[in-house]
Amino acid sequence: MSLSSNGRIAFNITQKEKAILDEIAAILGFGIVLHDKTMDCYRFRVSRLSEFYLIALLLNGNLVLPPPSPTHAFFKELGEFFL
């Protein structure tokens, strides 16, 4: 988590490989992937309050997805992603 200069909270995952972060964004169905030129890396960022809430639930052991994403498909894709 980070706090921006304008006081907004954000959740970031930083990685050298963009493909990994693109896959996370595709599986979750939210968030954006940005390139950080100063560190030559990529960041998956969630800054909307509703999406931040979903990340907080996910990290607390609960799985909550937006309605268009079936839970079973999420677990299948997530399992393939980490294998």
C-alpha atoms as a PDB file:
ATOM      1  CA  MET A   1       0.000   0.000   0.000  1.00  0.00           C
ATOM      2  CA  SER A   2       1.074   3.522  -0.599  1.00  0.00           C
ATOM      3  CA  LEU A   3      -0.275   6.999  -0.042  1.00  0.00           C
ATOM      4  CA  SER A   4       0.061   9.425  -2.937  1.00  0.00           C
ATOM      5  CA  SER A   5       0.863  13.118  -2.595  1.00  0.00           C
ATOM      6  CA  ASN A   6      -2.835  13.965  -2.970  1.00  0.00           C
ATOM      7  CA  GLY A   7      -3.743  11.659  -0.072  1.00  0.00           C
ATOM      8  CA  ARG A   8      -5.179   8.744  -2.088  1.00  0.00           C
ATOM      9  CA  ILE A   9      -4.381   5.212  -1.038  1.00  0.00           C
ATOM     10  CA  ALA A  10      -3.149   2.654  -3.597  1.00  0.00           C
ATOM     11  CA  PHE A  11      -2.073  -0.972  -3.667  1.00  0.00           C
ATOM     12  CA  ASN A  12       1.007  -1.725  -5.809  1.00  0.00           C
ATOM     13  CA  ILE A  13       2.844  -4.858  -6.882  1.00  0.00           C
ATOM     14  CA  THR A  14       6.213  -4.096  -8.491  1.00  0.00           C
ATOM     15  CA  GLN A  15       7.845  -6.523 -10.923  1.00  0.00           C
ATOM     16  CA  LYS A  16      10.493  -6.443 -13.670  1.00  0.00           C
ATOM     17  CA  GLU A  17       8.392  -8.635 -15.987  1.00  0.00           C
ATOM     18  CA  LYS A  18       5.268  -6.979 -17.368  1.00  0.00           C
ATOM     19  CA  ALA A  19       3.637 -10.247 -18.478  1.00  0.00           C
ATOM     20  CA  ILE A  20       3.193 -11.425 -14.880  1.00  0.00           C
ATOM     21  CA  LEU A  21       1.399  -8.232 -13.882  1.00  0.00           C
ATOM     22  CA  ASP A  22      -0.751  -8.301 -17.036  1.00  0.00           C
ATOM     23  CA  GLU A  23      -1.822 -11.828 -16.098  1.00  0.00           C
ATOM     24  CA  ILE A  24      -2.745 -10.733 -12.562  1.00  0.00           C
ATOM     25  CA  ALA A  25      -4.812  -7.842 -13.942  1.00  0.00           C
ATOM     26  CA  ALA A  26      -6.526 -10.164 -16.446  1.00  0.00           C
ATOM     27  CA  ILE A  27      -7.375 -12.792 -13.824  1.00  0.00           C
ATOM     28  CA  LEU A  28      -8.689 -10.270 -11.297  1.00  0.00           C
ATOM     29  CA  GLY A  29     -10.468  -8.181 -13.919  1.00  0.00           C
ATOM     30  CA  PHE A  30      -9.345  -4.854 -12.467  1.00  0.00           C
ATOM     31  CA  GLY A  31      -6.254  -2.750 -11.813  1.00  0.00           C
ATOM     32  CA  ILE A  32      -3.799  -1.225 -14.262  1.00  0.00           C
ATOM     33  CA  VAL A  33      -0.202  -2.000 -15.198  1.00  0.00           C
ATOM     34  CA  LEU A  34       2.123   0.999 -15.427  1.00  0.00           C
ATOM     35  CA  HIS A  35       5.776   1.337 -16.436  1.00  0.00           C
ATOM     36  CA  ASP A  36       8.003   3.087 -13.890  1.00  0.00           C
ATOM     37  CA  LYS A  37      10.769   4.662 -15.958  1.00  0.00           C
ATOM     38  CA  THR A  38      12.821   5.759 -12.948  1.00  0.00           C
ATOM     39  CA  MET A  39      13.245   2.176 -11.692  1.00  0.00           C
ATOM     40  CA  ASP A  40      12.791   0.432 -15.074  1.00  0.00           C
ATOM     41  CA  CYS A  41      10.076  -1.853 -13.726  1.00  0.00           C
ATOM     42  CA  TYR A  42       6.314  -2.317 -13.958  1.00  0.00           C
ATOM     43  CA  ARG A  43       3.632  -1.816 -11.331  1.00  0.00           C
ATOM     44  CA  PHE A  44       0.205  -3.357 -10.981  1.00  0.00           C
ATOM     45  CA  ARG A  45      -1.827  -0.638  -9.303  1.00  0.00           C
ATOM     46  CA  VAL A  46      -5.250  -0.612  -7.702  1.00  0.00           C
ATOM     47  CA  SER A  47      -6.457   2.806  -6.589  1.00  0.00           C
ATOM     48  CA  ARG A  48     -10.256   2.709  -6.827  1.00  0.00           C
ATOM     49  CA  LEU A  49     -11.844   2.247  -3.432  1.00  0.00           C
ATOM     50  CA  SER A  50     -14.103  -0.609  -4.594  1.00  0.00           C
ATOM     51  CA  GLU A  51     -11.128  -2.481  -6.111  1.00  0.00           C
ATOM     52  CA  PHE A  52      -8.950  -1.763  -3.092  1.00  0.00           C
ATOM     53  CA  TYR A  53     -11.661  -3.296  -0.935  1.00  0.00           C
ATOM     54  CA  LEU A  54     -11.597  -6.484  -3.081  1.00  0.00           C
ATOM     55  CA  ILE A  55      -7.792  -6.693  -2.736  1.00  0.00           C
ATOM     56  CA  ALA A  56      -8.103  -6.293   1.045  1.00  0.00           C
ATOM     57  CA  LEU A  57     -10.679  -9.108   1.187  1.00  0.00           C
ATOM     58  CA  LEU A  58      -8.530 -11.328  -1.013  1.00  0.00           C
ATOM     59  CA  LEU A  59      -5.437 -10.770   1.136  1.00  0.00           C
ATOM     60  CA  ASN A  60      -7.485 -11.485   4.269  1.00  0.00           C
ATOM     61  CA  GLY A  61      -8.364 -14.942   2.931  1.00  0.00           C
ATOM     62  CA  ASN A  62     -11.700 -14.115   1.323  1.00  0.00           C
ATOM     63  CA  LEU A  63     -12.302 -14.386  -2.385  1.00  0.00           C
ATOM     64  CA  VAL A  64     -14.584 -11.763  -3.865  1.00  0.00           C
ATOM     65  CA  LEU A  65     -14.757 -11.204  -7.604  1.00  0.00           C
ATOM     66  CA  PRO A  66     -16.843  -8.916  -9.794  1.00  0.00           C
ATOM     67  CA  PRO A  67     -20.008 -10.729 -11.036  1.00  0.00           C
ATOM     68  CA  PRO A  68     -18.791 -11.461 -14.621  1.00  0.00           C
ATOM     69  CA  SER A  69     -15.872 -13.573 -13.347  1.00  0.00           C
ATOM     70  CA  PRO A  70     -16.856 -17.081 -12.199  1.00  0.00           C
ATOM     71  CA  THR A  71     -15.021 -18.235  -9.085  1.00  0.00           C
ATOM     72  CA  HIS A  72     -14.121 -21.642 -10.494  1.00  0.00           C
ATOM     73  CA  ALA A  73     -12.415 -20.148 -13.560  1.00  0.00           C
ATOM     74  CA  PHE A  74     -10.457 -17.793 -11.292  1.00  0.00           C
ATOM     75  CA  PHE A  75      -9.034 -20.664  -9.228  1.00  0.00           C
ATOM     76  CA  LYS A  76      -8.207 -22.634 -12.376  1.00  0.00           C
ATOM     77  CA  GLU A  77      -6.378 -19.699 -13.990  1.00  0.00           C
ATOM     78  CA  LEU A  78      -4.648 -18.772 -10.747  1.00  0.00           C
ATOM     79  CA  GLY A  79      -3.437 -22.349 -10.280  1.00  0.00           C
ATOM     80  CA  GLU A  80      -2.085 -22.477 -13.842  1.00  0.00           C
ATOM     81  CA  PHE A  81      -0.411 -19.101 -13.325  1.00  0.00           C
ATOM     82  CA  PHE A  82       1.592 -20.295 -10.320  1.00  0.00           C
ATOM     83  CA  LEU A  83       2.558 -23.718 -11.746  1.00  0.00           C
END
